[in-house]
Amino acid sequence: MTHGEAVFWFRLKEVALCASKGVPEGGGARKTWDDFGDAIPFEVGRWLEGTLIEYEDEHAYYVHAGVKPGEPVWRTPGLLKLWGAEGFLESSYDWGKPVVFGHWQQAAPLLRPNKIGIDTGAYATGVLTAVRLPDRAIFQARR
């Protein structure tokens, strides 16, 4: 099996898992496979191997889409950190420090004691948002 085939089959497995968990599918696996002419470069796989699902420092937890309410961050499966956990946005659960996340596009940054949402839809709105910790200062760049 080529590297590209392995990436494709892994993505299909991920799509099936997402569907079983009720997570919407992004639809990019077949397009990616086709765009690379059935041969995704090894460099892409090497780059992906170096990426992180989550990060933690003394100020916050950082994930793409959120974590499971009512449980420690480490108990949330990676798939949910990428696609979001049910009830996360509404939750007031205290994970011990805030969870900084994106994925859920909002008109303005979400600043709560337990979470900070910074996805302001830059691809569509032209507004890219960042947060500085620990003071929670918001910075925005506009296209």
N, C-alpha and C. Protein backbone atom coordinates (compact mmCIF):
# COMPACT_ATOMS: atom_id res chain seq x y z
N MET A 1 0.85 -1.17 0.00
CA MET A 1 0.00 0.00 0.00
C MET A 1 0.90 1.24 0.00
N THR A 2 0.58 2.20 -0.84
CA THR A 2 1.35 3.45 -0.89
C THR A 2 0.97 4.33 0.30
N HIS A 3 1.80 5.34 0.55
CA HIS A 3 1.51 6.29 1.62
C HIS A 3 0.17 6.97 1.36
N GLY A 4 -0.07 7.37 0.13
CA GLY A 4 -1.33 8.03 -0.23
C GLY A 4 -2.53 7.14 0.04
N GLU A 5 -2.41 5.86 -0.30
CA GLU A 5 -3.51 4.92 -0.03
C GLU A 5 -3.74 4.78 1.47
N ALA A 6 -2.66 4.73 2.24
CA ALA A 6 -2.80 4.62 3.69
C ALA A 6 -3.52 5.84 4.26
N VAL A 7 -3.16 7.03 3.80
CA VAL A 7 -3.83 8.25 4.26
C VAL A 7 -5.31 8.20 3.88
N PHE A 8 -5.58 7.79 2.65
CA PHE A 8 -6.97 7.72 2.19
C PHE A 8 -7.78 6.75 3.05
N TRP A 9 -7.26 5.55 3.30
CA TRP A 9 -8.01 4.55 4.07
C TRP A 9 -8.15 4.98 5.52
N PHE A 10 -7.12 5.63 6.07
CA PHE A 10 -7.24 6.16 7.42
C PHE A 10 -8.36 7.18 7.48
N ARG A 11 -8.42 8.04 6.46
CA ARG A 11 -9.46 9.08 6.43
C ARG A 11 -10.85 8.45 6.32
N LEU A 12 -10.99 7.40 5.54
CA LEU A 12 -12.28 6.71 5.44
C LEU A 12 -12.69 6.14 6.79
N LYS A 13 -11.73 5.56 7.51
CA LYS A 13 -12.01 5.02 8.84
C LYS A 13 -12.45 6.16 9.78
N GLU A 14 -11.76 7.30 9.68
CA GLU A 14 -12.10 8.46 10.51
C GLU A 14 -13.52 8.94 10.19
N VAL A 15 -13.87 8.98 8.90
CA VAL A 15 -15.22 9.40 8.49
C VAL A 15 -16.27 8.47 9.10
N ALA A 16 -16.02 7.17 9.05
CA ALA A 16 -16.97 6.20 9.61
C ALA A 16 -17.11 6.40 11.12
N LEU A 17 -15.98 6.65 11.80
CA LEU A 17 -16.03 6.88 13.24
C LEU A 17 -16.81 8.15 13.55
N CYS A 18 -16.56 9.20 12.77
CA CYS A 18 -17.29 10.47 12.96
C CYS A 18 -18.78 10.23 12.79
N ALA A 19 -19.16 9.51 11.75
CA ALA A 19 -20.57 9.25 11.49
C ALA A 19 -21.20 8.48 12.65
N SER A 20 -20.47 7.53 13.20
CA SER A 20 -21.01 6.75 14.31
C SER A 20 -21.17 7.59 15.56
N LYS A 21 -20.42 8.69 15.68
CA LYS A 21 -20.50 9.58 16.84
C LYS A 21 -21.40 10.77 16.57
N GLY A 22 -21.98 10.84 15.36
CA GLY A 22 -22.85 11.95 15.02
C GLY A 22 -22.10 13.21 14.63
N VAL A 23 -20.82 13.08 14.27
CA VAL A 23 -20.01 14.24 13.88
C VAL A 23 -20.12 14.42 12.37
N PRO A 24 -20.42 15.64 11.90
CA PRO A 24 -20.52 15.84 10.46
C PRO A 24 -19.19 15.63 9.75
N GLU A 25 -19.24 15.10 8.55
CA GLU A 25 -18.04 14.80 7.76
C GLU A 25 -17.68 16.00 6.90
N GLY A 26 -16.40 16.32 6.85
CA GLY A 26 -15.93 17.48 6.10
C GLY A 26 -15.87 17.26 4.61
N GLY A 27 -15.77 16.01 4.14
CA GLY A 27 -15.83 15.72 2.72
C GLY A 27 -14.54 15.93 1.96
N GLY A 28 -13.39 15.98 2.62
CA GLY A 28 -12.17 16.32 1.91
C GLY A 28 -11.29 15.17 1.49
N ALA A 29 -11.53 13.95 1.95
CA ALA A 29 -10.61 12.85 1.67
C ALA A 29 -10.52 12.53 0.19
N ARG A 30 -11.63 12.35 -0.49
CA ARG A 30 -11.61 12.01 -1.91
C ARG A 30 -11.01 13.13 -2.72
N LYS A 31 -11.36 14.39 -2.41
CA LYS A 31 -10.81 15.53 -3.14
C LYS A 31 -9.29 15.59 -2.97
N THR A 32 -8.82 15.40 -1.73
CA THR A 32 -7.38 15.41 -1.48
C THR A 32 -6.69 14.31 -2.27
N TRP A 33 -7.26 13.13 -2.22
CA TRP A 33 -6.70 11.98 -2.96
C TRP A 33 -6.63 12.31 -4.45
N ASP A 34 -7.71 12.84 -5.00
CA ASP A 34 -7.75 13.18 -6.43
C ASP A 34 -6.78 14.30 -6.77
N ASP A 35 -6.72 15.34 -5.92
CA ASP A 35 -5.83 16.48 -6.18
C ASP A 35 -4.37 16.06 -6.27
N PHE A 36 -3.99 15.03 -5.53
CA PHE A 36 -2.60 14.57 -5.55
C PHE A 36 -2.39 13.42 -6.51
N GLY A 37 -3.37 13.17 -7.37
CA GLY A 37 -3.22 12.12 -8.38
C GLY A 37 -2.95 10.76 -7.75
N ASP A 38 -3.65 10.45 -6.68
CA ASP A 38 -3.53 9.18 -5.97
C ASP A 38 -2.15 8.96 -5.34
N ALA A 39 -1.39 10.00 -5.15
CA ALA A 39 -0.04 9.86 -4.58
C ALA A 39 0.25 11.04 -3.65
N ILE A 40 -0.30 11.02 -2.45
CA ILE A 40 -0.04 12.08 -1.49
C ILE A 40 1.43 12.01 -1.07
N PRO A 41 2.15 13.12 -1.17
CA PRO A 41 3.59 13.09 -0.86
C PRO A 41 3.87 12.67 0.59
N PHE A 42 4.99 11.96 0.78
CA PHE A 42 5.39 11.54 2.12
C PHE A 42 5.59 12.74 3.03
N GLU A 43 5.98 13.88 2.47
CA GLU A 43 6.21 15.08 3.28
C GLU A 43 4.93 15.49 4.01
N VAL A 44 3.79 15.27 3.38
CA VAL A 44 2.51 15.60 4.02
C VAL A 44 2.32 14.71 5.25
N GLY A 45 2.57 13.43 5.10
CA GLY A 45 2.45 12.51 6.22
C GLY A 45 3.43 12.84 7.33
N ARG A 46 4.66 13.18 6.96
CA ARG A 46 5.65 13.55 7.98
C ARG A 46 5.22 14.81 8.72
N TRP A 47 4.70 15.78 7.98
CA TRP A 47 4.23 17.02 8.61
C TRP A 47 3.08 16.71 9.57
N LEU A 48 2.12 15.90 9.13
CA LEU A 48 0.98 15.55 9.98
C LEU A 48 1.42 14.83 11.25
N GLU A 49 2.44 13.99 11.14
CA GLU A 49 2.94 13.26 12.31
C GLU A 49 3.46 14.22 13.38
N GLY A 50 3.93 15.39 12.97
CA GLY A 50 4.47 16.36 13.91
C GLY A 50 3.45 17.30 14.52
N THR A 51 2.21 17.23 14.07
CA THR A 51 1.19 18.13 14.60
C THR A 51 0.62 17.56 15.91
N LEU A 52 0.01 18.43 16.69
CA LEU A 52 -0.55 18.03 17.98
C LEU A 52 -2.07 18.16 17.97
N ILE A 53 -2.74 17.28 18.66
CA ILE A 53 -4.19 17.35 18.84
C ILE A 53 -4.52 18.39 19.90
N GLU A 54 -3.62 18.54 20.87
CA GLU A 54 -3.84 19.48 21.96
C GLU A 54 -2.51 20.02 22.45
N TYR A 55 -2.61 21.11 23.20
CA TYR A 55 -1.43 21.70 23.82
C TYR A 55 -1.88 22.25 25.17
N GLU A 56 -0.97 22.26 26.12
CA GLU A 56 -1.27 22.80 27.44
C GLU A 56 -0.07 23.58 27.93
N ASP A 57 -0.33 24.74 28.53
CA ASP A 57 0.70 25.47 29.25
C ASP A 57 0.12 25.93 30.59
N GLU A 58 0.82 26.80 31.28
CA GLU A 58 0.34 27.20 32.61
C GLU A 58 -0.94 28.03 32.56
N HIS A 59 -1.30 28.54 31.39
CA HIS A 59 -2.46 29.43 31.26
C HIS A 59 -3.74 28.75 30.80
N ALA A 60 -3.62 27.72 29.96
CA ALA A 60 -4.82 27.17 29.33
C ALA A 60 -4.54 25.82 28.68
N TYR A 61 -5.64 25.18 28.27
CA TYR A 61 -5.61 24.03 27.36
C TYR A 61 -5.97 24.60 25.99
N TYR A 62 -5.37 24.07 24.93
CA TYR A 62 -5.63 24.55 23.58
C TYR A 62 -6.02 23.34 22.72
N VAL A 63 -7.21 23.40 22.15
CA VAL A 63 -7.69 22.33 21.28
C VAL A 63 -8.41 22.97 20.10
N HIS A 64 -8.68 22.19 19.09
CA HIS A 64 -9.35 22.73 17.92
C HIS A 64 -10.81 23.07 18.18
N ALA A 65 -11.57 22.14 18.78
CA ALA A 65 -13.02 22.33 18.83
C ALA A 65 -13.64 22.20 20.23
N GLY A 66 -12.91 21.78 21.22
CA GLY A 66 -13.49 21.68 22.56
C GLY A 66 -13.21 20.34 23.21
N VAL A 67 -13.71 20.19 24.43
CA VAL A 67 -13.52 18.97 25.21
C VAL A 67 -14.84 18.58 25.88
N LYS A 68 -14.86 17.39 26.45
CA LYS A 68 -16.09 16.88 27.07
C LYS A 68 -16.36 17.59 28.39
N PRO A 69 -17.56 18.14 28.55
CA PRO A 69 -17.92 18.74 29.84
C PRO A 69 -18.01 17.67 30.93
N GLY A 70 -17.63 18.05 32.14
CA GLY A 70 -17.77 17.14 33.27
C GLY A 70 -16.65 16.15 33.44
N GLU A 71 -15.62 16.22 32.59
CA GLU A 71 -14.50 15.28 32.68
C GLU A 71 -13.20 16.04 32.50
N PRO A 72 -12.09 15.52 33.06
CA PRO A 72 -10.80 16.16 32.83
C PRO A 72 -10.47 16.19 31.33
N VAL A 73 -9.72 17.18 30.91
CA VAL A 73 -9.36 17.33 29.49
C VAL A 73 -8.72 16.06 28.95
N TRP A 74 -7.86 15.43 29.71
CA TRP A 74 -7.14 14.24 29.22
C TRP A 74 -8.07 13.08 28.90
N ARG A 75 -9.30 13.10 29.42
CA ARG A 75 -10.23 12.01 29.15
C ARG A 75 -11.03 12.20 27.86
N THR A 76 -10.92 13.36 27.24
CA THR A 76 -11.63 13.61 25.99
C THR A 76 -10.85 12.97 24.84
N PRO A 77 -11.48 12.10 24.05
CA PRO A 77 -10.80 11.49 22.90
C PRO A 77 -10.35 12.56 21.88
N GLY A 78 -9.25 12.28 21.22
CA GLY A 78 -8.71 13.21 20.23
C GLY A 78 -9.72 13.61 19.17
N LEU A 79 -10.54 12.68 18.73
CA LEU A 79 -11.54 12.97 17.71
C LEU A 79 -12.49 14.07 18.17
N LEU A 80 -12.88 14.04 19.45
CA LEU A 80 -13.78 15.07 19.96
C LEU A 80 -13.07 16.40 20.13
N LYS A 81 -11.77 16.36 20.42
CA LYS A 81 -11.00 17.60 20.51
C LYS A 81 -10.92 18.28 19.15
N LEU A 82 -10.96 17.48 18.10
CA LEU A 82 -10.92 18.02 16.73
C LEU A 82 -12.28 18.48 16.23
N TRP A 83 -13.34 17.75 16.57
CA TRP A 83 -14.66 18.01 16.00
C TRP A 83 -15.68 18.56 16.99
N GLY A 84 -15.36 18.52 18.27
CA GLY A 84 -16.26 19.09 19.27
C GLY A 84 -17.01 18.04 20.05
N ALA A 85 -17.26 18.36 21.30
CA ALA A 85 -17.99 17.46 22.19
C ALA A 85 -19.36 18.06 22.48
N GLU A 86 -20.35 17.20 22.54
CA GLU A 86 -21.71 17.63 22.81
C GLU A 86 -21.77 18.41 24.12
N GLY A 87 -22.40 19.57 24.09
CA GLY A 87 -22.58 20.38 25.28
C GLY A 87 -21.42 21.28 25.64
N PHE A 88 -20.33 21.21 24.89
CA PHE A 88 -19.14 22.00 25.24
C PHE A 88 -19.42 23.50 25.26
N LEU A 89 -20.02 24.01 24.20
CA LEU A 89 -20.24 25.46 24.12
C LEU A 89 -21.10 25.99 25.26
N GLU A 90 -22.07 25.21 25.69
CA GLU A 90 -22.99 25.64 26.73
C GLU A 90 -22.46 25.37 28.14
N SER A 91 -21.46 24.55 28.25
CA SER A 91 -20.99 24.08 29.56
C SER A 91 -20.34 25.18 30.40
N SER A 92 -20.58 25.12 31.70
CA SER A 92 -19.89 26.00 32.64
C SER A 92 -18.90 25.19 33.49
N TYR A 93 -18.65 23.94 33.08
CA TYR A 93 -17.72 23.08 33.80
C TYR A 93 -16.34 23.73 33.88
N ASP A 94 -15.69 23.62 35.03
CA ASP A 94 -14.35 24.19 35.24
C ASP A 94 -13.31 23.09 35.06
N TRP A 95 -12.51 23.20 34.01
CA TRP A 95 -11.46 22.21 33.73
C TRP A 95 -10.17 22.54 34.49
N GLY A 96 -10.20 23.55 35.35
CA GLY A 96 -9.01 23.93 36.11
C GLY A 96 -8.29 25.12 35.51
N LYS A 97 -8.44 25.30 34.23
CA LYS A 97 -7.97 26.47 33.50
C LYS A 97 -8.77 26.54 32.21
N PRO A 98 -8.81 27.69 31.57
CA PRO A 98 -9.67 27.81 30.39
C PRO A 98 -9.24 26.91 29.23
N VAL A 99 -10.21 26.58 28.40
CA VAL A 99 -9.98 25.84 27.17
C VAL A 99 -10.08 26.86 26.03
N VAL A 100 -8.99 27.03 25.29
CA VAL A 100 -8.98 27.92 24.13
C VAL A 100 -9.26 27.06 22.90
N PHE A 101 -10.21 27.51 22.09
CA PHE A 101 -10.64 26.68 20.96
C PHE A 101 -11.06 27.54 19.78
N GLY A 102 -11.21 26.89 18.65
CA GLY A 102 -11.74 27.50 17.44
C GLY A 102 -12.91 26.67 16.95
N HIS A 103 -12.94 26.38 15.67
CA HIS A 103 -13.89 25.48 15.03
C HIS A 103 -15.32 26.02 14.99
N TRP A 104 -15.82 26.57 16.08
CA TRP A 104 -17.20 27.05 16.16
C TRP A 104 -17.21 28.54 15.84
N GLN A 105 -17.49 28.86 14.59
CA GLN A 105 -17.46 30.26 14.14
C GLN A 105 -18.50 31.09 14.87
N GLN A 106 -18.06 32.25 15.35
CA GLN A 106 -18.93 33.18 16.06
C GLN A 106 -18.66 34.60 15.57
N ALA A 107 -19.63 35.48 15.73
CA ALA A 107 -19.47 36.86 15.28
C ALA A 107 -18.42 37.60 16.09
N ALA A 108 -18.26 37.22 17.36
CA ALA A 108 -17.28 37.86 18.24
C ALA A 108 -16.62 36.77 19.09
N PRO A 109 -15.42 37.02 19.58
CA PRO A 109 -14.78 36.02 20.45
C PRO A 109 -15.66 35.70 21.66
N LEU A 110 -15.62 34.46 22.09
CA LEU A 110 -16.37 34.01 23.26
C LEU A 110 -15.41 34.01 24.45
N LEU A 111 -15.69 34.85 25.42
CA LEU A 111 -14.85 34.95 26.61
C LEU A 111 -15.66 34.56 27.84
N ARG A 112 -15.38 33.37 28.36
CA ARG A 112 -16.03 32.86 29.55
C ARG A 112 -14.94 32.46 30.55
N PRO A 113 -15.26 32.35 31.81
CA PRO A 113 -14.23 31.94 32.77
C PRO A 113 -13.59 30.60 32.42
N ASN A 114 -14.36 29.68 31.82
CA ASN A 114 -13.87 28.33 31.56
C ASN A 114 -13.48 28.07 30.10
N LYS A 115 -13.72 29.02 29.20
CA LYS A 115 -13.39 28.80 27.78
C LYS A 115 -13.24 30.10 27.04
N ILE A 116 -12.43 30.04 25.97
CA ILE A 116 -12.20 31.20 25.11
C ILE A 116 -12.30 30.71 23.67
N GLY A 117 -13.30 31.16 22.95
CA GLY A 117 -13.49 30.79 21.55
C GLY A 117 -13.00 31.91 20.64
N ILE A 118 -12.11 31.57 19.73
CA ILE A 118 -11.50 32.62 18.89
C ILE A 118 -11.75 32.44 17.39
N ASP A 119 -12.68 31.59 17.01
CA ASP A 119 -12.98 31.41 15.59
C ASP A 119 -14.01 32.45 15.16
N THR A 120 -13.55 33.47 14.47
CA THR A 120 -14.45 34.50 13.94
C THR A 120 -14.59 34.37 12.43
N GLY A 121 -14.33 33.17 11.91
CA GLY A 121 -14.58 32.87 10.50
C GLY A 121 -13.73 33.66 9.53
N ALA A 122 -12.44 33.73 9.77
CA ALA A 122 -11.55 34.54 8.93
C ALA A 122 -11.70 34.24 7.44
N TYR A 123 -11.92 32.97 7.09
CA TYR A 123 -12.04 32.62 5.68
C TYR A 123 -13.23 33.31 5.02
N ALA A 124 -14.28 33.56 5.79
CA ALA A 124 -15.49 34.17 5.23
C ALA A 124 -15.64 35.64 5.60
N THR A 125 -15.25 36.00 6.83
CA THR A 125 -15.46 37.36 7.32
C THR A 125 -14.26 38.27 7.10
N GLY A 126 -13.09 37.68 6.94
CA GLY A 126 -11.87 38.47 6.84
C GLY A 126 -11.34 38.93 8.18
N VAL A 127 -11.94 38.43 9.27
CA VAL A 127 -11.51 38.81 10.62
C VAL A 127 -10.81 37.62 11.28
N LEU A 128 -9.51 37.77 11.50
CA LEU A 128 -8.71 36.75 12.16
C LEU A 128 -8.51 37.17 13.61
N THR A 129 -8.80 36.27 14.54
CA THR A 129 -8.77 36.60 15.97
C THR A 129 -7.72 35.78 16.69
N ALA A 130 -7.04 36.42 17.65
CA ALA A 130 -6.08 35.76 18.53
C ALA A 130 -6.31 36.26 19.95
N VAL A 131 -5.85 35.49 20.90
CA VAL A 131 -5.95 35.89 22.31
C VAL A 131 -4.57 35.80 22.94
N ARG A 132 -4.26 36.77 23.80
CA ARG A 132 -3.01 36.73 24.57
C ARG A 132 -3.37 36.34 26.00
N LEU A 133 -2.63 35.39 26.52
CA LEU A 133 -2.85 34.96 27.90
C LEU A 133 -1.62 35.31 28.73
N PRO A 134 -1.80 35.61 30.00
CA PRO A 134 -2.97 35.33 30.81
C PRO A 134 -4.00 36.47 30.87
N ASP A 135 -3.72 37.62 30.26
CA ASP A 135 -4.63 38.76 30.43
C ASP A 135 -5.88 38.72 29.55
N ARG A 136 -5.96 37.74 28.64
CA ARG A 136 -7.12 37.54 27.76
C ARG A 136 -7.34 38.71 26.79
N ALA A 137 -6.29 39.41 26.48
CA ALA A 137 -6.39 40.49 25.50
C ALA A 137 -6.70 39.89 24.13
N ILE A 138 -7.66 40.47 23.43
CA ILE A 138 -8.06 40.00 22.11
C ILE A 138 -7.42 40.89 21.05
N PHE A 139 -6.88 40.25 20.01
CA PHE A 139 -6.29 40.94 18.87
C PHE A 139 -7.01 40.47 17.61
N GLN A 140 -7.33 41.40 16.74
CA GLN A 140 -7.99 41.02 15.48
C GLN A 140 -7.33 41.74 14.32
N ALA A 141 -7.16 41.00 13.25
CA ALA A 141 -6.66 41.56 12.00
C ALA A 141 -7.79 41.43 10.98
N ARG A 142 -7.98 42.47 10.22
CA ARG A 142 -9.05 42.46 9.22
C ARG A 142 -8.44 42.50 7.82
N ARG A 143 -9.06 41.76 6.93
CA ARG A 143 -8.62 41.71 5.55
C ARG A 143 -8.99 43.01 4.88
